[in-house]
Amino acid sequence: MYREIYFNFPGTYKLSGEQLFALSWGVDRSDLAENIVTKNKSYSNSQVLSRDYHKCEEIETVIREIAD
């Protein structure tokens, strides 16, 4: 059914529309052999705190521990 619908509307979608249409029918045209180079431009500690801190002294302690 995908081919019947897709080929009845050739050229009616732009590239991103064609990709979304194909994905909605479960067709993924991703090239798995292609190497993806990630650019890490952010600096983060990726720390999750166990609770919310409200007192100024606690907040300062957490910031000092993260900075170390």
PDB file of N, CA and C in Angstrom:
ATOM      1  N   MET A   1       0.827  -1.196   0.000  1.00  0.00           N
ATOM      2  CA  MET A   1       0.000   0.000   0.000  1.00  0.00           C
ATOM      3  C   MET A   1       0.869   1.258   0.000  1.00  0.00           C
ATOM      4  N   TYR A   2       2.004   1.207   0.694  1.00  0.00           N
ATOM      5  CA  TYR A   2       2.900   2.363   0.735  1.00  0.00           C
ATOM      6  C   TYR A   2       3.324   2.770  -0.669  1.00  0.00           C
ATOM      7  N   ARG A   3       3.742   1.801  -1.470  1.00  0.00           N
ATOM      8  CA  ARG A   3       4.211   2.106  -2.821  1.00  0.00           C
ATOM      9  C   ARG A   3       3.088   2.682  -3.676  1.00  0.00           C
ATOM     10  N   GLU A   4       1.886   2.157  -3.522  1.00  0.00           N
ATOM     11  CA  GLU A   4       0.765   2.662  -4.314  1.00  0.00           C
ATOM     12  C   GLU A   4       0.511   4.132  -4.012  1.00  0.00           C
ATOM     13  N   ILE A   5       0.491   4.486  -2.735  1.00  0.00           N
ATOM     14  CA  ILE A   5       0.224   5.875  -2.355  1.00  0.00           C
ATOM     15  C   ILE A   5       1.406   6.758  -2.718  1.00  0.00           C
ATOM     16  N   TYR A   6       2.623   6.299  -2.421  1.00  0.00           N
ATOM     17  CA  TYR A   6       3.806   7.114  -2.650  1.00  0.00           C
ATOM     18  C   TYR A   6       4.007   7.407  -4.134  1.00  0.00           C
ATOM     19  N   PHE A   7       3.854   6.408  -4.958  1.00  0.00           N
ATOM     20  CA  PHE A   7       4.125   6.604  -6.374  1.00  0.00           C
ATOM     21  C   PHE A   7       2.973   7.271  -7.112  1.00  0.00           C
ATOM     22  N   ASN A   8       1.842   7.428  -6.478  1.00  0.00           N
ATOM     23  CA  ASN A   8       0.749   8.182  -7.086  1.00  0.00           C
ATOM     24  C   ASN A   8       0.942   9.682  -6.907  1.00  0.00           C
ATOM     25  N   PHE A   9       1.868  10.093  -6.035  1.00  0.00           N
ATOM     26  CA  PHE A   9       2.115  11.506  -5.788  1.00  0.00           C
ATOM     27  C   PHE A   9       3.586  11.858  -6.012  1.00  0.00           C
ATOM     28  N   PRO A  10       4.163  11.530  -7.149  1.00  0.00           N
ATOM     29  CA  PRO A  10       5.588  11.827  -7.342  1.00  0.00           C
ATOM     30  C   PRO A  10       5.845  13.323  -7.441  1.00  0.00           C
ATOM     31  N   GLY A  11       6.870  13.770  -6.716  1.00  0.00           N
ATOM     32  CA  GLY A  11       7.292  15.165  -6.805  1.00  0.00           C
ATOM     33  C   GLY A  11       6.380  16.152  -6.118  1.00  0.00           C
ATOM     34  N   THR A  12       5.390  15.695  -5.368  1.00  0.00           N
ATOM     35  CA  THR A  12       4.485  16.638  -4.720  1.00  0.00           C
ATOM     36  C   THR A  12       5.010  17.086  -3.366  1.00  0.00           C
ATOM     37  N   TYR A  13       5.983  16.376  -2.817  1.00  0.00           N
ATOM     38  CA  TYR A  13       6.554  16.732  -1.524  1.00  0.00           C
ATOM     39  C   TYR A  13       7.984  17.198  -1.699  1.00  0.00           C
ATOM     40  N   LYS A  14       8.415  18.049  -0.779  1.00  0.00           N
ATOM     41  CA  LYS A  14       9.828  18.403  -0.730  1.00  0.00           C
ATOM     42  C   LYS A  14      10.561  17.276  -0.013  1.00  0.00           C
ATOM     43  N   LEU A  15      11.876  17.381   0.076  1.00  0.00           N
ATOM     44  CA  LEU A  15      12.687  16.291   0.627  1.00  0.00           C
ATOM     45  C   LEU A  15      12.259  15.921   2.045  1.00  0.00           C
ATOM     46  N   SER A  16      12.115  16.908   2.932  1.00  0.00           N
ATOM     47  CA  SER A  16      11.746  16.575   4.312  1.00  0.00           C
ATOM     48  C   SER A  16      10.348  15.985   4.370  1.00  0.00           C
ATOM     49  N   GLY A  17       9.445  16.431   3.505  1.00  0.00           N
ATOM     50  CA  GLY A  17       8.108  15.857   3.450  1.00  0.00           C
ATOM     51  C   GLY A  17       8.139  14.415   2.995  1.00  0.00           C
ATOM     52  N   GLU A  18       8.991  14.108   2.026  1.00  0.00           N
ATOM     53  CA  GLU A  18       9.125  12.727   1.551  1.00  0.00           C
ATOM     54  C   GLU A  18       9.699  11.841   2.645  1.00  0.00           C
ATOM     55  N   GLN A  19      10.665  12.366   3.413  1.00  0.00           N
ATOM     56  CA  GLN A  19      11.236  11.583   4.507  1.00  0.00           C
ATOM     57  C   GLN A  19      10.190  11.307   5.584  1.00  0.00           C
ATOM     58  N   LEU A  20       9.410  12.316   5.944  1.00  0.00           N
ATOM     59  CA  LEU A  20       8.372  12.129   6.956  1.00  0.00           C
ATOM     60  C   LEU A  20       7.304  11.160   6.469  1.00  0.00           C
ATOM     61  N   PHE A  21       6.952  11.282   5.203  1.00  0.00           N
ATOM     62  CA  PHE A  21       5.953  10.379   4.635  1.00  0.00           C
ATOM     63  C   PHE A  21       6.451   8.938   4.672  1.00  0.00           C
ATOM     64  N   ALA A  22       7.705   8.723   4.302  1.00  0.00           N
ATOM     65  CA  ALA A  22       8.275   7.380   4.313  1.00  0.00           C
ATOM     66  C   ALA A  22       8.348   6.845   5.744  1.00  0.00           C
ATOM     67  N   LEU A  23       8.760   7.685   6.696  1.00  0.00           N
ATOM     68  CA  LEU A  23       8.840   7.244   8.084  1.00  0.00           C
ATOM     69  C   LEU A  23       7.466   6.889   8.644  1.00  0.00           C
ATOM     70  N   SER A  24       6.436   7.619   8.214  1.00  0.00           N
ATOM     71  CA  SER A  24       5.092   7.315   8.710  1.00  0.00           C
ATOM     72  C   SER A  24       4.631   5.939   8.244  1.00  0.00           C
ATOM     73  N   TRP A  25       5.206   5.446   7.142  1.00  0.00           N
ATOM     74  CA  TRP A  25       4.886   4.107   6.643  1.00  0.00           C
ATOM     75  C   TRP A  25       5.909   3.078   7.086  1.00  0.00           C
ATOM     76  N   GLY A  26       6.827   3.481   7.977  1.00  0.00           N
ATOM     77  CA  GLY A  26       7.795   2.541   8.520  1.00  0.00           C
ATOM     78  C   GLY A  26       9.011   2.324   7.653  1.00  0.00           C
ATOM     79  N   VAL A  27       9.256   3.215   6.688  1.00  0.00           N
ATOM     80  CA  VAL A  27      10.412   3.086   5.807  1.00  0.00           C
ATOM     81  C   VAL A  27      11.480   4.059   6.294  1.00  0.00           C
ATOM     82  N   ASP A  28      12.626   3.528   6.714  1.00  0.00           N
ATOM     83  CA  ASP A  28      13.729   4.356   7.187  1.00  0.00           C
ATOM     84  C   ASP A  28      14.887   4.208   6.213  1.00  0.00           C
ATOM     85  N   ARG A  29      15.242   5.293   5.559  1.00  0.00           N
ATOM     86  CA  ARG A  29      16.298   5.256   4.544  1.00  0.00           C
ATOM     87  C   ARG A  29      17.639   5.720   5.089  1.00  0.00           C
ATOM     88  N   SER A  30      17.828   5.657   6.386  1.00  0.00           N
ATOM     89  CA  SER A  30      19.085   6.085   6.991  1.00  0.00           C
ATOM     90  C   SER A  30      20.213   5.166   6.554  1.00  0.00           C
ATOM     91  N   ASP A  31      21.362   5.765   6.297  1.00  0.00           N
ATOM     92  CA  ASP A  31      22.555   5.000   5.930  1.00  0.00           C
ATOM     93  C   ASP A  31      23.287   4.643   7.212  1.00  0.00           C
ATOM     94  N   LEU A  32      23.189   3.392   7.632  1.00  0.00           N
ATOM     95  CA  LEU A  32      23.787   2.971   8.888  1.00  0.00           C
ATOM     96  C   LEU A  32      25.297   2.862   8.810  1.00  0.00           C
ATOM     97  N   ALA A  33      25.852   2.782   7.616  1.00  0.00           N
ATOM     98  CA  ALA A  33      27.296   2.685   7.463  1.00  0.00           C
ATOM     99  C   ALA A  33      27.967   4.052   7.545  1.00  0.00           C
ATOM    100  N   GLU A  34      27.198   5.104   7.477  1.00  0.00           N
ATOM    101  CA  GLU A  34      27.748   6.463   7.498  1.00  0.00           C
ATOM    102  C   GLU A  34      28.258   6.808   8.894  1.00  0.00           C
ATOM    103  N   ASN A  35      29.474   7.320   8.971  1.00  0.00           N
ATOM    104  CA  ASN A  35      30.050   7.745  10.247  1.00  0.00           C
ATOM    105  C   ASN A  35      29.493   9.108  10.625  1.00  0.00           C
ATOM    106  N   ILE A  36      29.026   9.212  11.846  1.00  0.00           N
ATOM    107  CA  ILE A  36      28.475  10.470  12.331  1.00  0.00           C
ATOM    108  C   ILE A  36      29.491  11.103  13.266  1.00  0.00           C
ATOM    109  N   VAL A  37      29.896  12.312  12.948  1.00  0.00           N
ATOM    110  CA  VAL A  37      30.858  13.041  13.767  1.00  0.00           C
ATOM    111  C   VAL A  37      30.071  13.993  14.655  1.00  0.00           C
ATOM    112  N   THR A  38      30.168  13.782  15.957  1.00  0.00           N
ATOM    113  CA  THR A  38      29.454  14.662  16.882  1.00  0.00           C
ATOM    114  C   THR A  38      30.373  15.792  17.312  1.00  0.00           C
ATOM    115  N   LYS A  39      29.785  16.942  17.467  1.00  0.00           N
ATOM    116  CA  LYS A  39      30.526  18.106  17.919  1.00  0.00           C
ATOM    117  C   LYS A  39      30.063  18.433  19.323  1.00  0.00           C
ATOM    118  N   ASN A  40      30.946  18.284  20.286  1.00  0.00           N
ATOM    119  CA  ASN A  40      30.610  18.563  21.663  1.00  0.00           C
ATOM    120  C   ASN A  40      31.049  19.979  21.991  1.00  0.00           C
ATOM    121  N   LYS A  41      30.112  20.912  21.977  1.00  0.00           N
ATOM    122  CA  LYS A  41      30.430  22.305  22.235  1.00  0.00           C
ATOM    123  C   LYS A  41      29.995  22.747  23.628  1.00  0.00           C
ATOM    124  N   SER A  42      29.423  21.832  24.391  1.00  0.00           N
ATOM    125  CA  SER A  42      28.938  22.223  25.708  1.00  0.00           C
ATOM    126  C   SER A  42      29.833  21.644  26.795  1.00  0.00           C
ATOM    127  N   TYR A  43      29.841  22.329  27.893  1.00  0.00           N
ATOM    128  CA  TYR A  43      30.564  21.869  29.067  1.00  0.00           C
ATOM    129  C   TYR A  43      29.528  21.572  30.138  1.00  0.00           C
ATOM    130  N   SER A  44      29.459  20.340  30.536  1.00  0.00           N
ATOM    131  CA  SER A  44      28.469  19.988  31.546  1.00  0.00           C
ATOM    132  C   SER A  44      29.028  18.931  32.475  1.00  0.00           C
ATOM    133  N   ASN A  45      28.405  18.842  33.617  1.00  0.00           N
ATOM    134  CA  ASN A  45      28.809  17.872  34.607  1.00  0.00           C
ATOM    135  C   ASN A  45      27.845  16.696  34.624  1.00  0.00           C
ATOM    136  N   SER A  46      26.682  16.852  34.050  1.00  0.00           N
ATOM    137  CA  SER A  46      25.655  15.817  33.980  1.00  0.00           C
ATOM    138  C   SER A  46      25.353  15.240  35.350  1.00  0.00           C
ATOM    139  N   GLN A  47      25.133  16.102  36.291  1.00  0.00           N
ATOM    140  CA  GLN A  47      24.857  15.650  37.650  1.00  0.00           C
ATOM    141  C   GLN A  47      23.371  15.823  37.936  1.00  0.00           C
ATOM    142  N   VAL A  48      22.769  14.778  38.501  1.00  0.00           N
ATOM    143  CA  VAL A  48      21.373  14.825  38.900  1.00  0.00           C
ATOM    144  C   VAL A  48      21.335  14.868  40.412  1.00  0.00           C
ATOM    145  N   LEU A  49      20.656  15.882  40.928  1.00  0.00           N
ATOM    146  CA  LEU A  49      20.584  16.029  42.374  1.00  0.00           C
ATOM    147  C   LEU A  49      19.425  15.214  42.920  1.00  0.00           C
ATOM    148  N   SER A  50      19.591  14.714  44.125  1.00  0.00           N
ATOM    149  CA  SER A  50      18.580  13.835  44.711  1.00  0.00           C
ATOM    150  C   SER A  50      17.343  14.582  45.195  1.00  0.00           C
ATOM    151  N   ARG A  51      17.465  15.879  45.390  1.00  0.00           N
ATOM    152  CA  ARG A  51      16.319  16.668  45.864  1.00  0.00           C
ATOM    153  C   ARG A  51      16.525  18.126  45.488  1.00  0.00           C
ATOM    154  N   ASP A  52      15.507  18.936  45.707  1.00  0.00           N
ATOM    155  CA  ASP A  52      15.612  20.376  45.493  1.00  0.00           C
ATOM    156  C   ASP A  52      16.245  21.022  46.719  1.00  0.00           C
ATOM    157  N   TYR A  53      17.110  21.983  46.488  1.00  0.00           N
ATOM    158  CA  TYR A  53      17.757  22.706  47.569  1.00  0.00           C
ATOM    159  C   TYR A  53      17.192  24.112  47.633  1.00  0.00           C
ATOM    160  N   HIS A  54      16.816  24.530  48.860  1.00  0.00           N
ATOM    161  CA  HIS A  54      16.181  25.835  49.023  1.00  0.00           C
ATOM    162  C   HIS A  54      17.005  26.780  49.898  1.00  0.00           C
ATOM    163  N   LYS A  55      17.753  26.237  50.826  1.00  0.00           N
ATOM    164  CA  LYS A  55      18.550  27.083  51.715  1.00  0.00           C
ATOM    165  C   LYS A  55      19.827  27.512  51.000  1.00  0.00           C
ATOM    166  N   CYS A  56      20.210  28.735  51.235  1.00  0.00           N
ATOM    167  CA  CYS A  56      21.373  29.322  50.573  1.00  0.00           C
ATOM    168  C   CYS A  56      22.645  28.530  50.891  1.00  0.00           C
ATOM    169  N   GLU A  57      22.803  28.076  52.133  1.00  0.00           N
ATOM    170  CA  GLU A  57      23.996  27.341  52.524  1.00  0.00           C
ATOM    171  C   GLU A  57      24.102  26.016  51.765  1.00  0.00           C
ATOM    172  N   GLU A  58      22.952  25.331  51.605  1.00  0.00           N
ATOM    173  CA  GLU A  58      22.954  24.062  50.873  1.00  0.00           C
ATOM    174  C   GLU A  58      23.297  24.270  49.406  1.00  0.00           C
ATOM    175  N   ILE A  59      22.747  25.327  48.826  1.00  0.00           N
ATOM    176  CA  ILE A  59      23.004  25.624  47.413  1.00  0.00           C
ATOM    177  C   ILE A  59      24.480  25.924  47.196  1.00  0.00           C
ATOM    178  N   GLU A  60      25.059  26.706  48.108  1.00  0.00           N
ATOM    179  CA  GLU A  60      26.485  27.021  47.999  1.00  0.00           C
ATOM    180  C   GLU A  60      27.333  25.750  48.104  1.00  0.00           C
ATOM    181  N   THR A  61      26.946  24.843  48.996  1.00  0.00           N
ATOM    182  CA  THR A  61      27.687  23.588  49.156  1.00  0.00           C
ATOM    183  C   THR A  61      27.630  22.758  47.881  1.00  0.00           C
ATOM    184  N   VAL A  62      26.454  22.665  47.287  1.00  0.00           N
ATOM    185  CA  VAL A  62      26.300  21.884  46.057  1.00  0.00           C
ATOM    186  C   VAL A  62      27.117  22.500  44.930  1.00  0.00           C
ATOM    187  N   ILE A  63      27.091  23.803  44.803  1.00  0.00           N
ATOM    188  CA  ILE A  63      27.862  24.488  43.749  1.00  0.00           C
ATOM    189  C   ILE A  63      29.355  24.271  43.948  1.00  0.00           C
ATOM    190  N   ARG A  64      29.821  24.327  45.187  1.00  0.00           N
ATOM    191  CA  ARG A  64      31.240  24.085  45.466  1.00  0.00           C
ATOM    192  C   ARG A  64      31.633  22.653  45.118  1.00  0.00           C
ATOM    193  N   GLU A  65      30.753  21.694  45.434  1.00  0.00           N
ATOM    194  CA  GLU A  65      31.057  20.300  45.121  1.00  0.00           C
ATOM    195  C   GLU A  65      31.088  20.060  43.614  1.00  0.00           C
ATOM    196  N   ILE A  66      30.197  20.698  42.896  1.00  0.00           N
ATOM    197  CA  ILE A  66      30.175  20.545  41.442  1.00  0.00           C
ATOM    198  C   ILE A  66      31.414  21.183  40.818  1.00  0.00           C
ATOM    199  N   ALA A  67      31.851  22.299  41.366  1.00  0.00           N
ATOM    200  CA  ALA A  67      33.002  23.024  40.812  1.00  0.00           C
ATOM    201  C   ALA A  67      34.316  22.287  41.037  1.00  0.00           C
ATOM    202  N   ASP A  68      34.375  21.412  42.024  1.00  0.00           N
ATOM    203  CA  ASP A  68      35.636  20.712  42.310  1.00  0.00           C
ATOM    204  C   ASP A  68      36.001  19.731  41.267  1.00  0.00           C
TER     205      ASP A  68
END
